[in-house]
């Protein structure tokens, strides 16, 4: 069967996350219902990662094996979009190598968290960004970010309910910048623990507001003590931005 790779975007507000769950509306569930109508048989789709309830995506990647022989891969874009709800869109479709795996072949997953700072959020912004009534200092936040980089034990940013066998992750990039009037926190790693990005974001903002020194932030990161970290930010400001792969 042909291996089809998809680039997917969705508004996470109406979904209980990516992973298929009984009696809950999920991205994977909606995708598989649409694929079954096209392929005439049940189809299992694999995503690059399992976004939580309320988390958005601009660059989720997934793959599935199609039994349909006489349909160009690009035709899955209009075919699926005609069946899917408006808050879930297929942006691209292409034929991948037979052994391509959206999850296991991923090199880096990049997330962005958006903040509207010091002004009321526009109605179209409020759904996708966290409102802050102050102006954080990007320079200090970026100074903290350099202590996140590299391969490290991320227990300090983990949830007690995280079931990962290892909490070692490699963080390739982390920074704050301004875009379209919003403060953006962007972070890329080989993988993330459950709610890890939201925990890191909350910790960075908490330390910046308290004017914690760079040295003390470094000590916090290395402590492994979740009690020293900040709050976990709400899901609505988080977006899976893009996935980089070892191979195309």
Foldseek 3Di string as FASTA:
>chain_A
DFKKKFWKWFQQQQFQKADDDPPGHHVQVQQQVLLCVVQVHGWGKAWQDIGGRRATARGIMIMTDGPDDPDAQQVCQVSSVVRGDPRMHTDGMHTDPPPDGSHPQFQKWKKKFKEQECDDDDPVCVQAHHYYNHDFDQVQLFLLFVLVAAWDQQLLQADPPWPDPGRTWHKHDWGWDDDPNIIMIMTMTRDHIVLRVQQVVQQSRVCRVVVPDSVVSSCSRRVSHNVNTGDRHDNRRMYRYHTHGPPD
